[in-house]
Amino acid sequence: MVANISKATHRDPFHAIADPTRRRMLQLLAEDTLTPNALAKAIPEYSRQAVSKHLQILVDCGLLALEVQGRNHLYSVKPEPMAEVYQWLEKLKELWESRFDQLDTVLTELKKDNK
């Protein structure tokens, strides 16, 4: 049986950055406000339609702001939602630093024992 999961449960910053294309788009948009056409030119391996789908996911996840100026749709990064990702990464960083410290201690002890 397949669970019925709404789109909203998948639309968080982790969902957005899970895809390498969206990470690339976020990097480009962190540097400048761009239109979908400009993004499609910057990522030529994807069609304009594919770029639009990725943009919609990024907007749904709250990572992009959309400003409409006449016929132009301008996208820019909203970094605040990435705080959740940053906090998660910081916890992992602390965990790995602790484990590396433990490994250093073990290796130092082994060195002493071998002398």
C-alpha atoms as a PDB file:
ATOM      1  CA  MET A   1       0.000   0.000   0.000  1.00  0.00           C
ATOM      2  CA  VAL A   2       1.346   3.422  -0.957  1.00  0.00           C
ATOM      3  CA  ALA A   3       0.935   6.166   1.609  1.00  0.00           C
ATOM      4  CA  ASN A   4      -0.927   9.246   0.503  1.00  0.00           C
ATOM      5  CA  ILE A   5       1.555  12.000   1.252  1.00  0.00           C
ATOM      6  CA  SER A   6       0.711  15.554   0.319  1.00  0.00           C
ATOM      7  CA  LYS A   7       3.119  17.699  -1.669  1.00  0.00           C
ATOM      8  CA  ALA A   8       3.477  19.993   1.316  1.00  0.00           C
ATOM      9  CA  THR A   9       5.306  17.331   3.321  1.00  0.00           C
ATOM     10  CA  HIS A  10       7.956  17.153   0.617  1.00  0.00           C
ATOM     11  CA  ARG A  11       8.347  20.876   0.235  1.00  0.00           C
ATOM     12  CA  ASP A  12      10.991  21.798   2.742  1.00  0.00           C
ATOM     13  CA  PRO A  13      14.557  23.054   2.258  1.00  0.00           C
ATOM     14  CA  PHE A  14      15.911  19.500   2.407  1.00  0.00           C
ATOM     15  CA  HIS A  15      13.669  18.490  -0.483  1.00  0.00           C
ATOM     16  CA  ALA A  16      14.857  21.487  -2.466  1.00  0.00           C
ATOM     17  CA  ILE A  17      18.570  20.857  -2.023  1.00  0.00           C
ATOM     18  CA  ALA A  18      18.272  17.110  -2.622  1.00  0.00           C
ATOM     19  CA  ASP A  19      18.470  17.725  -6.356  1.00  0.00           C
ATOM     20  CA  PRO A  20      21.788  18.857  -7.892  1.00  0.00           C
ATOM     21  CA  THR A  21      20.026  21.008 -10.483  1.00  0.00           C
ATOM     22  CA  ARG A  22      18.192  22.943  -7.790  1.00  0.00           C
ATOM     23  CA  ARG A  23      21.426  23.371  -5.832  1.00  0.00           C
ATOM     24  CA  ARG A  24      23.029  24.761  -8.989  1.00  0.00           C
ATOM     25  CA  MET A  25      20.083  27.100  -9.511  1.00  0.00           C
ATOM     26  CA  LEU A  26      20.342  28.307  -5.911  1.00  0.00           C
ATOM     27  CA  GLN A  27      24.036  29.047  -6.446  1.00  0.00           C
ATOM     28  CA  LEU A  28      23.280  31.065  -9.582  1.00  0.00           C
ATOM     29  CA  LEU A  29      20.439  32.915  -7.892  1.00  0.00           C
ATOM     30  CA  ALA A  30      22.567  33.662  -4.844  1.00  0.00           C
ATOM     31  CA  GLU A  31      24.779  35.714  -7.151  1.00  0.00           C
ATOM     32  CA  ASP A  32      22.031  37.578  -9.002  1.00  0.00           C
ATOM     33  CA  THR A  33      18.287  37.904  -9.533  1.00  0.00           C
ATOM     34  CA  LEU A  34      17.433  36.014 -12.720  1.00  0.00           C
ATOM     35  CA  THR A  35      14.565  35.238 -15.043  1.00  0.00           C
ATOM     36  CA  PRO A  36      13.664  31.642 -15.949  1.00  0.00           C
ATOM     37  CA  ASN A  37      15.108  32.225 -19.442  1.00  0.00           C
ATOM     38  CA  ALA A  38      18.418  33.408 -17.978  1.00  0.00           C
ATOM     39  CA  LEU A  39      18.541  30.318 -15.774  1.00  0.00           C
ATOM     40  CA  ALA A  40      17.736  28.057 -18.721  1.00  0.00           C
ATOM     41  CA  LYS A  41      20.634  29.630 -20.642  1.00  0.00           C
ATOM     42  CA  ALA A  42      22.948  29.129 -17.654  1.00  0.00           C
ATOM     43  CA  ILE A  43      21.908  25.461 -17.425  1.00  0.00           C
ATOM     44  CA  PRO A  44      21.638  24.484 -21.111  1.00  0.00           C
ATOM     45  CA  GLU A  45      21.250  20.753 -20.447  1.00  0.00           C
ATOM     46  CA  TYR A  46      17.722  21.425 -19.151  1.00  0.00           C
ATOM     47  CA  SER A  47      14.724  22.684 -21.077  1.00  0.00           C
ATOM     48  CA  ARG A  48      12.925  25.873 -20.140  1.00  0.00           C
ATOM     49  CA  GLN A  49      10.028  23.706 -18.880  1.00  0.00           C
ATOM     50  CA  ALA A  50      12.333  21.652 -16.629  1.00  0.00           C
ATOM     51  CA  VAL A  51      13.842  24.860 -15.231  1.00  0.00           C
ATOM     52  CA  SER A  52      10.337  26.165 -14.514  1.00  0.00           C
ATOM     53  CA  LYS A  53       9.430  22.973 -12.624  1.00  0.00           C
ATOM     54  CA  HIS A  54      12.561  23.265 -10.492  1.00  0.00           C
ATOM     55  CA  LEU A  55      11.832  26.948  -9.863  1.00  0.00           C
ATOM     56  CA  GLN A  56       8.326  26.072  -8.691  1.00  0.00           C
ATOM     57  CA  ILE A  57       9.703  23.540  -6.214  1.00  0.00           C
ATOM     58  CA  LEU A  58      12.196  26.109  -4.896  1.00  0.00           C
ATOM     59  CA  VAL A  59       9.385  28.655  -4.498  1.00  0.00           C
ATOM     60  CA  ASP A  60       7.137  26.060  -2.808  1.00  0.00           C
ATOM     61  CA  CYS A  61       9.984  25.256  -0.402  1.00  0.00           C
ATOM     62  CA  GLY A  62      10.257  28.944   0.445  1.00  0.00           C
ATOM     63  CA  LEU A  63      13.804  29.321  -0.861  1.00  0.00           C
ATOM     64  CA  LEU A  64      13.000  31.750  -3.664  1.00  0.00           C
ATOM     65  CA  ALA A  65      11.118  35.000  -3.922  1.00  0.00           C
ATOM     66  CA  LEU A  66       9.293  35.832  -7.133  1.00  0.00           C
ATOM     67  CA  GLU A  67       8.881  39.404  -8.304  1.00  0.00           C
ATOM     68  CA  VAL A  68       6.789  40.120 -11.395  1.00  0.00           C
ATOM     69  CA  GLN A  69       7.790  43.205 -13.380  1.00  0.00           C
ATOM     70  CA  GLY A  70       5.545  43.456 -16.395  1.00  0.00           C
ATOM     71  CA  ARG A  71       6.170  40.276 -18.381  1.00  0.00           C
ATOM     72  CA  ASN A  72       9.359  39.451 -16.519  1.00  0.00           C
ATOM     73  CA  HIS A  73       9.411  37.023 -13.631  1.00  0.00           C
ATOM     74  CA  LEU A  74      12.464  37.656 -11.470  1.00  0.00           C
ATOM     75  CA  TYR A  75      13.631  35.072  -8.962  1.00  0.00           C
ATOM     76  CA  SER A  76      15.913  35.732  -6.013  1.00  0.00           C
ATOM     77  CA  VAL A  77      17.108  33.663  -3.068  1.00  0.00           C
ATOM     78  CA  LYS A  78      15.439  33.844   0.334  1.00  0.00           C
ATOM     79  CA  PRO A  79      18.182  32.501   2.612  1.00  0.00           C
ATOM     80  CA  GLU A  80      16.148  32.360   5.841  1.00  0.00           C
ATOM     81  CA  PRO A  81      14.644  28.884   5.235  1.00  0.00           C
ATOM     82  CA  MET A  82      18.155  27.486   4.838  1.00  0.00           C
ATOM     83  CA  ALA A  83      18.703  28.109   8.559  1.00  0.00           C
ATOM     84  CA  GLU A  84      17.082  24.736   9.236  1.00  0.00           C
ATOM     85  CA  VAL A  85      19.603  23.025   6.956  1.00  0.00           C
ATOM     86  CA  TYR A  86      22.470  24.966   8.506  1.00  0.00           C
ATOM     87  CA  GLN A  87      21.421  23.953  12.036  1.00  0.00           C
ATOM     88  CA  TRP A  88      21.189  20.315  10.984  1.00  0.00           C
ATOM     89  CA  LEU A  89      24.626  20.466   9.371  1.00  0.00           C
ATOM     90  CA  GLU A  90      26.106  22.112  12.466  1.00  0.00           C
ATOM     91  CA  LYS A  91      24.888  19.205  14.602  1.00  0.00           C
ATOM     92  CA  LEU A  92      26.456  16.735  12.184  1.00  0.00           C
ATOM     93  CA  LYS A  93      29.664  18.761  12.169  1.00  0.00           C
ATOM     94  CA  GLU A  94      29.810  18.612  15.976  1.00  0.00           C
ATOM     95  CA  LEU A  95      29.222  14.854  15.876  1.00  0.00           C
ATOM     96  CA  TRP A  96      31.978  14.261  13.314  1.00  0.00           C
ATOM     97  CA  GLU A  97      34.421  16.550  15.116  1.00  0.00           C
ATOM     98  CA  SER A  98      33.792  14.587  18.309  1.00  0.00           C
ATOM     99  CA  ARG A  99      34.381  11.294  16.500  1.00  0.00           C
ATOM    100  CA  PHE A 100      37.572  12.581  14.884  1.00  0.00           C
ATOM    101  CA  ASP A 101      38.793  13.736  18.298  1.00  0.00           C
ATOM    102  CA  GLN A 102      38.128  10.243  19.646  1.00  0.00           C
ATOM    103  CA  LEU A 103      39.982   8.725  16.704  1.00  0.00           C
ATOM    104  CA  ASP A 104      42.940  11.057  17.311  1.00  0.00           C
ATOM    105  CA  THR A 105      43.039   9.921  20.928  1.00  0.00           C
ATOM    106  CA  VAL A 106      43.021   6.241  19.931  1.00  0.00           C
ATOM    107  CA  LEU A 107      45.738   6.783  17.300  1.00  0.00           C
ATOM    108  CA  THR A 108      47.895   8.683  19.781  1.00  0.00           C
ATOM    109  CA  GLU A 109      47.542   5.851  22.290  1.00  0.00           C
ATOM    110  CA  LEU A 110      48.423   3.264  19.642  1.00  0.00           C
ATOM    111  CA  LYS A 111      51.522   5.244  18.683  1.00  0.00           C
ATOM    112  CA  LYS A 112      52.623   5.337  22.321  1.00  0.00           C
ATOM    113  CA  ASP A 113      52.058   1.570  22.662  1.00  0.00           C
ATOM    114  CA  ASN A 114      54.127   0.830  19.548  1.00  0.00           C
ATOM    115  CA  LYS A 115      57.167   2.711  20.828  1.00  0.00           C
END
